[in-house]
Amino acid sequence: MKIAVSGATGLIGSAVVASLAGRGRQVARLVRPHRATRAGDIRWDPATGALDSAAGGCDAVIHLAGENIAGRWTAKKRARIRDSRTTPTARLCKTLATLDPPPAVLLCASASGVYGDRGEQTLAEDSAPGDGFLAEVCQQWEAACQPAVAAGIRVVHLRFAMVLSPTGGALKPMLRPFRLGLGGRIGNGRQYWSWIALDDAVAAIEFALACDDMAGPVNVASPCPVTNRQFTAALGRALHRPTLFPLPASIARLAFGRMADDLLLASARVTPARLLASGFVFQRPQLDDALNHLLKRSGQPS
């Protein structure tokens, strides 16, 4: 099986590429023309959707490219977040639909942010989308895959929760202040933070790739979501540090703009209903175990 992966140098993409290659899969990075530096790279122009002819031999495409959402959400940042996902995805899908033959499956990133701020409501794949900037972006992102669906390609929308790894993503910037004993809850701490360990996220992607009857939205999240207060306490335990310094909601909004409301203060209690129903087994479903494993394996000091 030949698999093309966009966003192959990102946190999730690099782990996916390494895992698939380790299993003997033929993996090609889907990259912008000026970044095609390795043998087997497939050149892709997000501005036009143009692909190298080599893409025609791919059995599957895993599309993970997009602007990093971390940082203060200024108007320009929000535009980059939206525009790096919706238009390039639509153009890629239109091009994939013209290939002869097209790939059998497209796994396209999305996010659990599609559900918006929902308090204590348990959210499965059949839950209605929510409101807010990130929810709107995710809905547009998933809709951009319609040309691939129309062409008969099996499309899976990977609705990622917060992916935990000490080398990137949301966890990495938390480690320094928490090690210094400066960590604490954000706002009132009652908002649910859905999460998944990086290894489980990669395994879920490979599971969705192999599961021929899986299509549509799939929540890539641990079956054990926690509140921000619980997350904070667990990280403190893993690092053997107190967590006595809360970040007030007003300061979070001042520091991060709209990102605070959509990510840090929003509550999304997401359950991976479709993965569980299909027989997927999580290796690290509990947060304490996941954090201890991740930090120990990476050699991060506690």
C-alpha atoms as a PDB file:
ATOM      1  CA  MET A   1       0.000   0.000   0.000  1.00  0.00           C
ATOM      2  CA  LYS A   2       1.295   3.450  -0.943  1.00  0.00           C
ATOM      3  CA  ILE A   3       0.178   6.261   1.347  1.00  0.00           C
ATOM      4  CA  ALA A   4       0.676   9.999   0.829  1.00  0.00           C
ATOM      5  CA  VAL A   5       0.820  12.189   3.955  1.00  0.00           C
ATOM      6  CA  SER A   6       0.537  15.972   4.074  1.00  0.00           C
ATOM      7  CA  GLY A   7       1.719  17.807   7.177  1.00  0.00           C
ATOM      8  CA  ALA A   8       4.343  15.071   7.427  1.00  0.00           C
ATOM      9  CA  THR A   9       6.775  17.170   9.468  1.00  0.00           C
ATOM     10  CA  GLY A  10       4.233  18.157  12.136  1.00  0.00           C
ATOM     11  CA  LEU A  11       3.753  16.512  15.509  1.00  0.00           C
ATOM     12  CA  ILE A  12       1.154  13.996  14.337  1.00  0.00           C
ATOM     13  CA  GLY A  13       2.365  13.691  10.749  1.00  0.00           C
ATOM     14  CA  SER A  14       5.955  12.809  11.618  1.00  0.00           C
ATOM     15  CA  ALA A  15       4.770  10.148  14.069  1.00  0.00           C
ATOM     16  CA  VAL A  16       2.356   8.715  11.495  1.00  0.00           C
ATOM     17  CA  VAL A  17       5.038   8.558   8.801  1.00  0.00           C
ATOM     18  CA  ALA A  18       7.479   6.804  11.151  1.00  0.00           C
ATOM     19  CA  SER A  19       4.865   4.304  12.299  1.00  0.00           C
ATOM     20  CA  LEU A  20       3.625   3.442   8.816  1.00  0.00           C
ATOM     21  CA  ALA A  21       7.160   3.094   7.464  1.00  0.00           C
ATOM     22  CA  GLY A  22       8.024   0.853  10.404  1.00  0.00           C
ATOM     23  CA  ARG A  23       5.138  -1.406   9.405  1.00  0.00           C
ATOM     24  CA  GLY A  24       6.490  -1.737   5.892  1.00  0.00           C
ATOM     25  CA  ARG A  25       4.119   0.697   4.220  1.00  0.00           C
ATOM     26  CA  GLN A  26       5.336   2.784   1.307  1.00  0.00           C
ATOM     27  CA  VAL A  27       4.954   6.356   2.538  1.00  0.00           C
ATOM     28  CA  ALA A  28       5.328   9.510   0.453  1.00  0.00           C
ATOM     29  CA  ARG A  29       5.347  13.005   1.898  1.00  0.00           C
ATOM     30  CA  LEU A  30       2.901  15.382   0.232  1.00  0.00           C
ATOM     31  CA  VAL A  31       4.875  18.636   0.219  1.00  0.00           C
ATOM     32  CA  ARG A  32       5.057  22.034  -1.416  1.00  0.00           C
ATOM     33  CA  PRO A  33       7.330  22.038  -4.484  1.00  0.00           C
ATOM     34  CA  HIS A  34      10.185  23.923  -2.797  1.00  0.00           C
ATOM     35  CA  ARG A  35      10.164  21.481   0.135  1.00  0.00           C
ATOM     36  CA  ALA A  36      10.431  18.332  -1.965  1.00  0.00           C
ATOM     37  CA  THR A  37      13.900  17.279  -0.829  1.00  0.00           C
ATOM     38  CA  ARG A  38      13.568  13.515  -0.431  1.00  0.00           C
ATOM     39  CA  ALA A  39      13.262  10.753  -2.969  1.00  0.00           C
ATOM     40  CA  GLY A  40       9.634   9.794  -3.235  1.00  0.00           C
ATOM     41  CA  ASP A  41       8.238  13.169  -2.176  1.00  0.00           C
ATOM     42  CA  ILE A  42       5.071  14.119  -4.027  1.00  0.00           C
ATOM     43  CA  ARG A  43       4.903  17.788  -4.957  1.00  0.00           C
ATOM     44  CA  TRP A  44       1.639  19.474  -4.041  1.00  0.00           C
ATOM     45  CA  ASP A  45       0.715  23.104  -4.614  1.00  0.00           C
ATOM     46  CA  PRO A  46      -1.982  24.103  -2.084  1.00  0.00           C
ATOM     47  CA  ALA A  47      -2.687  27.280  -4.082  1.00  0.00           C
ATOM     48  CA  THR A  48      -3.839  25.346  -7.153  1.00  0.00           C
ATOM     49  CA  GLY A  49      -4.311  21.777  -5.964  1.00  0.00           C
ATOM     50  CA  ALA A  50      -1.762  20.544  -8.530  1.00  0.00           C
ATOM     51  CA  LEU A  51      -0.136  17.196  -7.741  1.00  0.00           C
ATOM     52  CA  ASP A  52       2.776  15.254  -9.177  1.00  0.00           C
ATOM     53  CA  SER A  53       1.731  12.417 -11.430  1.00  0.00           C
ATOM     54  CA  ALA A  54       3.133  10.046  -8.785  1.00  0.00           C
ATOM     55  CA  ALA A  55       0.062  10.782  -6.681  1.00  0.00           C
ATOM     56  CA  GLY A  56      -1.930   8.637  -9.087  1.00  0.00           C
ATOM     57  CA  GLY A  57      -0.343   5.535  -7.633  1.00  0.00           C
ATOM     58  CA  CYS A  58      -1.426   6.214  -4.063  1.00  0.00           C
ATOM     59  CA  ASP A  59      -3.893   3.929  -2.354  1.00  0.00           C
ATOM     60  CA  ALA A  60      -4.586   6.376   0.472  1.00  0.00           C
ATOM     61  CA  VAL A  61      -4.015  10.010   1.458  1.00  0.00           C
ATOM     62  CA  ILE A  62      -3.704  11.294   5.030  1.00  0.00           C
ATOM     63  CA  HIS A  63      -4.194  15.063   5.010  1.00  0.00           C
ATOM     64  CA  LEU A  64      -2.881  16.738   8.175  1.00  0.00           C
ATOM     65  CA  ALA A  65      -1.574  20.079   6.887  1.00  0.00           C
ATOM     66  CA  GLY A  66      -2.713  23.364   8.399  1.00  0.00           C
ATOM     67  CA  GLU A  67      -1.566  26.485  10.236  1.00  0.00           C
ATOM     68  CA  ASN A  68      -0.561  25.827  13.853  1.00  0.00           C
ATOM     69  CA  ILE A  69      -3.412  27.067  16.057  1.00  0.00           C
ATOM     70  CA  ALA A  70      -1.112  27.941  18.970  1.00  0.00           C
ATOM     71  CA  GLY A  71      -0.521  31.615  19.695  1.00  0.00           C
ATOM     72  CA  ARG A  72      -2.611  34.730  20.102  1.00  0.00           C
ATOM     73  CA  TRP A  73      -5.561  34.679  17.715  1.00  0.00           C
ATOM     74  CA  THR A  74      -5.318  38.026  16.004  1.00  0.00           C
ATOM     75  CA  ALA A  75      -7.470  38.656  12.945  1.00  0.00           C
ATOM     76  CA  LYS A  76      -4.535  37.686  10.694  1.00  0.00           C
ATOM     77  CA  LYS A  77      -3.861  34.522  12.704  1.00  0.00           C
ATOM     78  CA  ARG A  78      -7.501  33.461  12.476  1.00  0.00           C
ATOM     79  CA  ALA A  79      -7.441  34.039   8.722  1.00  0.00           C
ATOM     80  CA  ARG A  80      -4.346  31.853   8.370  1.00  0.00           C
ATOM     81  CA  ILE A  81      -5.934  29.113  10.490  1.00  0.00           C
ATOM     82  CA  ARG A  82      -9.062  29.115   8.310  1.00  0.00           C
ATOM     83  CA  ASP A  83      -7.455  29.656   4.918  1.00  0.00           C
ATOM     84  CA  SER A  84      -4.750  27.003   5.416  1.00  0.00           C
ATOM     85  CA  ARG A  85      -7.430  24.370   5.947  1.00  0.00           C
ATOM     86  CA  THR A  86     -10.517  25.060   3.872  1.00  0.00           C
ATOM     87  CA  THR A  87      -9.320  26.149   0.433  1.00  0.00           C
ATOM     88  CA  PRO A  88      -6.261  23.836   0.155  1.00  0.00           C
ATOM     89  CA  THR A  89      -8.386  20.877   1.274  1.00  0.00           C
ATOM     90  CA  ALA A  90     -11.075  21.620  -1.305  1.00  0.00           C
ATOM     91  CA  ARG A  91      -8.472  21.942  -4.071  1.00  0.00           C
ATOM     92  CA  LEU A  92      -6.693  18.768  -2.997  1.00  0.00           C
ATOM     93  CA  CYS A  93      -9.968  16.836  -2.994  1.00  0.00           C
ATOM     94  CA  LYS A  94     -10.920  18.132  -6.432  1.00  0.00           C
ATOM     95  CA  THR A  95      -7.558  16.956  -7.759  1.00  0.00           C
ATOM     96  CA  LEU A  96      -7.805  13.549  -6.053  1.00  0.00           C
ATOM     97  CA  ALA A  97     -11.229  13.110  -7.646  1.00  0.00           C
ATOM     98  CA  THR A  98      -9.689  13.457 -11.118  1.00  0.00           C
ATOM     99  CA  LEU A  99      -7.009  10.798 -10.637  1.00  0.00           C
ATOM    100  CA  ASP A 100      -7.396   7.514 -12.478  1.00  0.00           C
ATOM    101  CA  PRO A 101      -7.733   5.623 -10.272  1.00  0.00           C
ATOM    102  CA  PRO A 102      -8.341   7.904  -7.289  1.00  0.00           C
ATOM    103  CA  PRO A 103      -7.110   6.805  -3.866  1.00  0.00           C
ATOM    104  CA  ALA A 104      -9.476   4.469  -2.066  1.00  0.00           C
ATOM    105  CA  VAL A 105      -9.460   6.484   1.149  1.00  0.00           C
ATOM    106  CA  LEU A 106      -8.782  10.014   2.389  1.00  0.00           C
ATOM    107  CA  LEU A 107      -8.235  10.630   6.092  1.00  0.00           C
ATOM    108  CA  CYS A 108      -8.539  14.361   6.691  1.00  0.00           C
ATOM    109  CA  ALA A 109      -7.756  16.138   9.938  1.00  0.00           C
ATOM    110  CA  SER A 110     -10.437  18.032  11.777  1.00  0.00           C
ATOM    111  CA  ALA A 111     -10.765  18.845  15.479  1.00  0.00           C
ATOM    112  CA  SER A 112     -12.995  18.268  18.471  1.00  0.00           C
ATOM    113  CA  GLY A 113     -13.391  22.043  18.437  1.00  0.00           C
ATOM    114  CA  VAL A 114     -16.204  21.400  15.958  1.00  0.00           C
ATOM    115  CA  TYR A 115     -18.480  20.876  18.978  1.00  0.00           C
ATOM    116  CA  GLY A 116     -17.837  24.300  20.472  1.00  0.00           C
ATOM    117  CA  ASP A 117     -18.358  25.079  24.168  1.00  0.00           C
ATOM    118  CA  ARG A 118     -20.857  22.488  25.459  1.00  0.00           C
ATOM    119  CA  GLY A 119     -20.413  22.333  29.223  1.00  0.00           C
ATOM    120  CA  GLU A 120     -20.880  18.846  30.697  1.00  0.00           C
ATOM    121  CA  GLN A 121     -22.749  17.419  27.675  1.00  0.00           C
ATOM    122  CA  THR A 122     -21.206  14.178  26.411  1.00  0.00           C
ATOM    123  CA  LEU A 123     -20.372  14.614  22.733  1.00  0.00           C
ATOM    124  CA  ALA A 124     -20.261  11.767  20.212  1.00  0.00           C
ATOM    125  CA  GLU A 125     -19.885  11.903  16.449  1.00  0.00           C
ATOM    126  CA  ASP A 126     -23.622  12.327  15.944  1.00  0.00           C
ATOM    127  CA  SER A 127     -23.740  15.398  18.206  1.00  0.00           C
ATOM    128  CA  ALA A 128     -24.572  18.648  16.427  1.00  0.00           C
ATOM    129  CA  PRO A 129     -21.746  21.100  15.674  1.00  0.00           C
ATOM    130  CA  GLY A 130     -21.323  24.012  18.047  1.00  0.00           C
ATOM    131  CA  ASP A 131     -20.708  27.711  17.688  1.00  0.00           C
ATOM    132  CA  GLY A 132     -17.562  29.816  17.639  1.00  0.00           C
ATOM    133  CA  PHE A 133     -14.636  30.408  15.321  1.00  0.00           C
ATOM    134  CA  LEU A 134     -13.033  26.969  15.609  1.00  0.00           C
ATOM    135  CA  ALA A 135     -16.365  25.183  15.256  1.00  0.00           C
ATOM    136  CA  GLU A 136     -17.069  27.116  12.062  1.00  0.00           C
ATOM    137  CA  VAL A 137     -13.602  26.384  10.661  1.00  0.00           C
ATOM    138  CA  CYS A 138     -13.981  22.665  11.352  1.00  0.00           C
ATOM    139  CA  GLN A 139     -17.372  22.535   9.656  1.00  0.00           C
ATOM    140  CA  GLN A 140     -15.989  24.297   6.583  1.00  0.00           C
ATOM    141  CA  TRP A 141     -12.911  22.047   6.648  1.00  0.00           C
ATOM    142  CA  GLU A 142     -14.989  18.887   6.630  1.00  0.00           C
ATOM    143  CA  ALA A 143     -17.316  20.252   3.949  1.00  0.00           C
ATOM    144  CA  ALA A 144     -14.270  20.951   1.756  1.00  0.00           C
ATOM    145  CA  CYS A 145     -13.842  17.171   1.361  1.00  0.00           C
ATOM    146  CA  GLN A 146     -17.109  16.817  -0.534  1.00  0.00           C
ATOM    147  CA  PRO A 147     -15.473  16.510  -4.003  1.00  0.00           C
ATOM    148  CA  ALA A 148     -13.642  13.406  -2.755  1.00  0.00           C
ATOM    149  CA  VAL A 149     -16.836  11.952  -1.291  1.00  0.00           C
ATOM    150  CA  ALA A 150     -18.643  12.570  -4.592  1.00  0.00           C
ATOM    151  CA  ALA A 151     -15.872  10.719  -6.437  1.00  0.00           C
ATOM    152  CA  GLY A 152     -16.445   7.610  -4.330  1.00  0.00           C
ATOM    153  CA  ILE A 153     -13.401   8.044  -2.097  1.00  0.00           C
ATOM    154  CA  ARG A 154     -13.942   6.849   1.475  1.00  0.00           C
ATOM    155  CA  VAL A 155     -13.459  10.003   3.548  1.00  0.00           C
ATOM    156  CA  VAL A 156     -12.835  10.014   7.288  1.00  0.00           C
ATOM    157  CA  HIS A 157     -12.829  13.273   9.264  1.00  0.00           C
ATOM    158  CA  LEU A 158     -10.378  12.819  12.131  1.00  0.00           C
ATOM    159  CA  ARG A 159     -11.720  15.046  14.899  1.00  0.00           C
ATOM    160  CA  PHE A 160      -8.603  15.310  17.046  1.00  0.00           C
ATOM    161  CA  ALA A 161      -8.808  16.219  20.705  1.00  0.00           C
ATOM    162  CA  MET A 162      -5.711  17.729  22.345  1.00  0.00           C
ATOM    163  CA  VAL A 163      -2.862  15.419  21.332  1.00  0.00           C
ATOM    164  CA  LEU A 164      -0.381  14.972  24.174  1.00  0.00           C
ATOM    165  CA  SER A 165       3.361  14.773  23.596  1.00  0.00           C
ATOM    166  CA  PRO A 166       6.221  16.406  25.512  1.00  0.00           C
ATOM    167  CA  THR A 167       7.871  17.263  22.186  1.00  0.00           C
ATOM    168  CA  GLY A 168       5.117  19.444  20.759  1.00  0.00           C
ATOM    169  CA  GLY A 169       1.470  20.387  20.698  1.00  0.00           C
ATOM    170  CA  ALA A 170      -0.273  21.791  23.763  1.00  0.00           C
ATOM    171  CA  LEU A 171       1.668  19.851  26.401  1.00  0.00           C
ATOM    172  CA  LYS A 172       5.186  21.053  25.592  1.00  0.00           C
ATOM    173  CA  PRO A 173       4.678  24.744  26.519  1.00  0.00           C
ATOM    174  CA  MET A 174       2.941  23.699  29.750  1.00  0.00           C
ATOM    175  CA  LEU A 175       5.908  21.749  31.064  1.00  0.00           C
ATOM    176  CA  ARG A 176       8.245  24.622  31.973  1.00  0.00           C
ATOM    177  CA  PRO A 177       5.827  26.643  34.146  1.00  0.00           C
ATOM    178  CA  PHE A 178       4.496  23.485  35.787  1.00  0.00           C
ATOM    179  CA  ARG A 179       8.026  22.290  36.578  1.00  0.00           C
ATOM    180  CA  LEU A 180       8.660  25.635  38.228  1.00  0.00           C
ATOM    181  CA  GLY A 181       5.588  25.140  40.378  1.00  0.00           C
ATOM    182  CA  LEU A 182       3.741  27.914  38.572  1.00  0.00           C
ATOM    183  CA  GLY A 183       0.994  25.808  37.017  1.00  0.00           C
ATOM    184  CA  GLY A 184      -2.669  25.890  37.906  1.00  0.00           C
ATOM    185  CA  ARG A 185      -6.191  25.678  36.583  1.00  0.00           C
ATOM    186  CA  ILE A 186      -7.435  28.037  33.882  1.00  0.00           C
ATOM    187  CA  GLY A 187     -10.549  30.018  34.724  1.00  0.00           C
ATOM    188  CA  ASN A 188     -12.774  28.039  37.098  1.00  0.00           C
ATOM    189  CA  GLY A 189     -11.220  24.759  35.909  1.00  0.00           C
ATOM    190  CA  ARG A 190     -14.605  23.099  35.361  1.00  0.00           C
ATOM    191  CA  GLN A 191     -14.334  23.065  31.557  1.00  0.00           C
ATOM    192  CA  TYR A 192     -13.736  19.646  30.004  1.00  0.00           C
ATOM    193  CA  TRP A 193     -10.482  19.121  28.153  1.00  0.00           C
ATOM    194  CA  SER A 194     -10.628  16.148  25.807  1.00  0.00           C
ATOM    195  CA  TRP A 195      -7.223  14.681  25.080  1.00  0.00           C
ATOM    196  CA  ILE A 196      -5.377  11.702  23.589  1.00  0.00           C
ATOM    197  CA  ALA A 197      -1.812  10.426  23.899  1.00  0.00           C
ATOM    198  CA  LEU A 198       0.173  10.743  20.663  1.00  0.00           C
ATOM    199  CA  ASP A 199       0.700   6.979  20.348  1.00  0.00           C
ATOM    200  CA  ASP A 200      -3.045   6.350  20.619  1.00  0.00           C
ATOM    201  CA  ALA A 201      -3.732   9.088  18.066  1.00  0.00           C
ATOM    202  CA  VAL A 202      -1.365   7.430  15.585  1.00  0.00           C
ATOM    203  CA  ALA A 203      -2.882   4.002  16.268  1.00  0.00           C
ATOM    204  CA  ALA A 204      -6.376   5.438  15.721  1.00  0.00           C
ATOM    205  CA  ILE A 205      -5.317   6.868  12.355  1.00  0.00           C
ATOM    206  CA  GLU A 206      -3.944   3.501  11.268  1.00  0.00           C
ATOM    207  CA  PHE A 207      -7.112   1.803  12.511  1.00  0.00           C
ATOM    208  CA  ALA A 208      -9.308   4.165  10.486  1.00  0.00           C
ATOM    209  CA  LEU A 209      -7.092   3.582   7.475  1.00  0.00           C
ATOM    210  CA  ALA A 210      -7.628  -0.179   7.658  1.00  0.00           C
ATOM    211  CA  CYS A 211     -11.321  -0.140   8.647  1.00  0.00           C
ATOM    212  CA  ASP A 212     -13.083  -0.270   5.280  1.00  0.00           C
ATOM    213  CA  ASP A 213     -16.529   0.520   6.667  1.00  0.00           C
ATOM    214  CA  MET A 214     -15.442   3.613   8.592  1.00  0.00           C
ATOM    215  CA  ALA A 215     -16.335   6.935   6.984  1.00  0.00           C
ATOM    216  CA  GLY A 216     -17.441  10.370   8.127  1.00  0.00           C
ATOM    217  CA  PRO A 217     -16.526  11.941  11.480  1.00  0.00           C
ATOM    218  CA  VAL A 218     -14.411  10.000  13.987  1.00  0.00           C
ATOM    219  CA  ASN A 219     -13.522  11.436  17.378  1.00  0.00           C
ATOM    220  CA  VAL A 220      -9.827  10.836  18.019  1.00  0.00           C
ATOM    221  CA  ALA A 221      -9.954  11.297  21.783  1.00  0.00           C
ATOM    222  CA  SER A 222      -9.407   9.274  24.939  1.00  0.00           C
ATOM    223  CA  PRO A 223     -12.572   7.682  26.341  1.00  0.00           C
ATOM    224  CA  CYS A 224     -11.718   9.424  29.633  1.00  0.00           C
ATOM    225  CA  PRO A 225     -11.980  13.214  29.189  1.00  0.00           C
ATOM    226  CA  VAL A 226     -11.135  15.311  32.241  1.00  0.00           C
ATOM    227  CA  THR A 227     -11.835  18.792  33.476  1.00  0.00           C
ATOM    228  CA  ASN A 228      -9.121  21.401  33.298  1.00  0.00           C
ATOM    229  CA  ARG A 229      -8.811  21.195  37.093  1.00  0.00           C
ATOM    230  CA  GLN A 230      -8.278  17.424  36.856  1.00  0.00           C
ATOM    231  CA  PHE A 231      -5.793  17.842  34.001  1.00  0.00           C
ATOM    232  CA  THR A 232      -3.831  20.387  36.013  1.00  0.00           C
ATOM    233  CA  ALA A 233      -3.710  18.122  39.060  1.00  0.00           C
ATOM    234  CA  ALA A 234      -2.589  15.130  36.963  1.00  0.00           C
ATOM    235  CA  LEU A 235       0.229  17.090  35.343  1.00  0.00           C
ATOM    236  CA  GLY A 236       1.320  18.322  38.755  1.00  0.00           C
ATOM    237  CA  ARG A 237       1.404  14.728  40.031  1.00  0.00           C
ATOM    238  CA  ALA A 238       3.411  13.560  37.027  1.00  0.00           C
ATOM    239  CA  LEU A 239       5.968  16.308  37.618  1.00  0.00           C
ATOM    240  CA  HIS A 240       5.814  16.132  41.439  1.00  0.00           C
ATOM    241  CA  ARG A 241       4.997  19.812  41.657  1.00  0.00           C
ATOM    242  CA  PRO A 242       2.214  21.821  43.302  1.00  0.00           C
ATOM    243  CA  THR A 243      -0.408  23.483  41.088  1.00  0.00           C
ATOM    244  CA  LEU A 244      -1.295  26.560  43.111  1.00  0.00           C
ATOM    245  CA  PHE A 245      -1.263  29.346  40.545  1.00  0.00           C
ATOM    246  CA  PRO A 246      -4.547  29.622  38.639  1.00  0.00           C
ATOM    247  CA  LEU A 247      -4.766  31.625  35.426  1.00  0.00           C
ATOM    248  CA  PRO A 248      -7.880  33.834  35.616  1.00  0.00           C
ATOM    249  CA  ALA A 249     -10.119  33.812  32.561  1.00  0.00           C
ATOM    250  CA  SER A 250      -9.607  37.555  32.086  1.00  0.00           C
ATOM    251  CA  ILE A 251      -5.819  37.159  31.924  1.00  0.00           C
ATOM    252  CA  ALA A 252      -6.128  34.200  29.557  1.00  0.00           C
ATOM    253  CA  ARG A 253      -8.259  36.319  27.216  1.00  0.00           C
ATOM    254  CA  LEU A 254      -5.784  39.176  27.425  1.00  0.00           C
ATOM    255  CA  ALA A 255      -2.851  36.894  26.624  1.00  0.00           C
ATOM    256  CA  PHE A 256      -4.402  34.680  23.933  1.00  0.00           C
ATOM    257  CA  GLY A 257      -7.335  36.617  22.484  1.00  0.00           C
ATOM    258  CA  ARG A 258     -10.161  34.497  21.072  1.00  0.00           C
ATOM    259  CA  MET A 259      -8.032  31.374  21.447  1.00  0.00           C
ATOM    260  CA  ALA A 260      -8.761  31.524  25.180  1.00  0.00           C
ATOM    261  CA  ASP A 261     -12.524  31.215  24.683  1.00  0.00           C
ATOM    262  CA  ASP A 262     -12.374  28.619  21.901  1.00  0.00           C
ATOM    263  CA  LEU A 263      -9.669  26.371  23.364  1.00  0.00           C
ATOM    264  CA  LEU A 264      -8.610  27.091  26.927  1.00  0.00           C
ATOM    265  CA  LEU A 265     -11.950  28.012  28.487  1.00  0.00           C
ATOM    266  CA  ALA A 266     -14.321  26.061  26.231  1.00  0.00           C
ATOM    267  CA  SER A 267     -15.706  22.757  27.500  1.00  0.00           C
ATOM    268  CA  ALA A 268     -15.930  19.748  25.174  1.00  0.00           C
ATOM    269  CA  ARG A 269     -16.563  16.379  26.807  1.00  0.00           C
ATOM    270  CA  VAL A 270     -15.842  14.242  23.763  1.00  0.00           C
ATOM    271  CA  THR A 271     -16.215  10.471  23.599  1.00  0.00           C
ATOM    272  CA  PRO A 272     -14.687   8.290  20.826  1.00  0.00           C
ATOM    273  CA  ALA A 273     -17.934   6.404  20.241  1.00  0.00           C
ATOM    274  CA  ARG A 274     -17.164   5.185  16.731  1.00  0.00           C
ATOM    275  CA  LEU A 275     -13.664   3.958  17.550  1.00  0.00           C
ATOM    276  CA  LEU A 276     -14.939   2.052  20.571  1.00  0.00           C
ATOM    277  CA  ALA A 277     -17.877   0.578  18.656  1.00  0.00           C
ATOM    278  CA  SER A 278     -15.473  -0.613  15.947  1.00  0.00           C
ATOM    279  CA  GLY A 279     -13.249  -2.432  18.430  1.00  0.00           C
ATOM    280  CA  PHE A 280     -10.358   0.016  18.768  1.00  0.00           C
ATOM    281  CA  VAL A 281      -8.376  -0.528  21.983  1.00  0.00           C
ATOM    282  CA  PHE A 282      -6.682   2.440  23.658  1.00  0.00           C
ATOM    283  CA  GLN A 283      -3.272   1.781  25.177  1.00  0.00           C
ATOM    284  CA  ARG A 284      -3.267   4.880  27.409  1.00  0.00           C
ATOM    285  CA  PRO A 285      -6.898   5.822  28.173  1.00  0.00           C
ATOM    286  CA  GLN A 286      -6.183   7.227  31.660  1.00  0.00           C
ATOM    287  CA  LEU A 287      -4.517  10.627  31.937  1.00  0.00           C
ATOM    288  CA  ASP A 288      -2.177   9.852  34.854  1.00  0.00           C
ATOM    289  CA  ASP A 289      -0.830   6.773  33.098  1.00  0.00           C
ATOM    290  CA  ALA A 290      -0.487   8.608  29.780  1.00  0.00           C
ATOM    291  CA  LEU A 291       1.417  11.551  31.287  1.00  0.00           C
ATOM    292  CA  ASN A 292       3.748   9.330  33.302  1.00  0.00           C
ATOM    293  CA  HIS A 293       4.456   7.194  30.248  1.00  0.00           C
ATOM    294  CA  LEU A 294       5.037  10.145  27.924  1.00  0.00           C
ATOM    295  CA  LEU A 295       7.350  11.991  30.299  1.00  0.00           C
ATOM    296  CA  LYS A 296       9.329   8.890  31.255  1.00  0.00           C
ATOM    297  CA  ARG A 297       9.786   7.739  27.671  1.00  0.00           C
ATOM    298  CA  SER A 298      10.964  11.142  26.513  1.00  0.00           C
ATOM    299  CA  GLY A 299      13.489  11.414  29.322  1.00  0.00           C
ATOM    300  CA  GLN A 300      11.823  14.570  30.550  1.00  0.00           C
ATOM    301  CA  PRO A 301      12.881  15.367  34.108  1.00  0.00           C
ATOM    302  CA  SER A 302      10.165  15.316  36.745  1.00  0.00           C
END
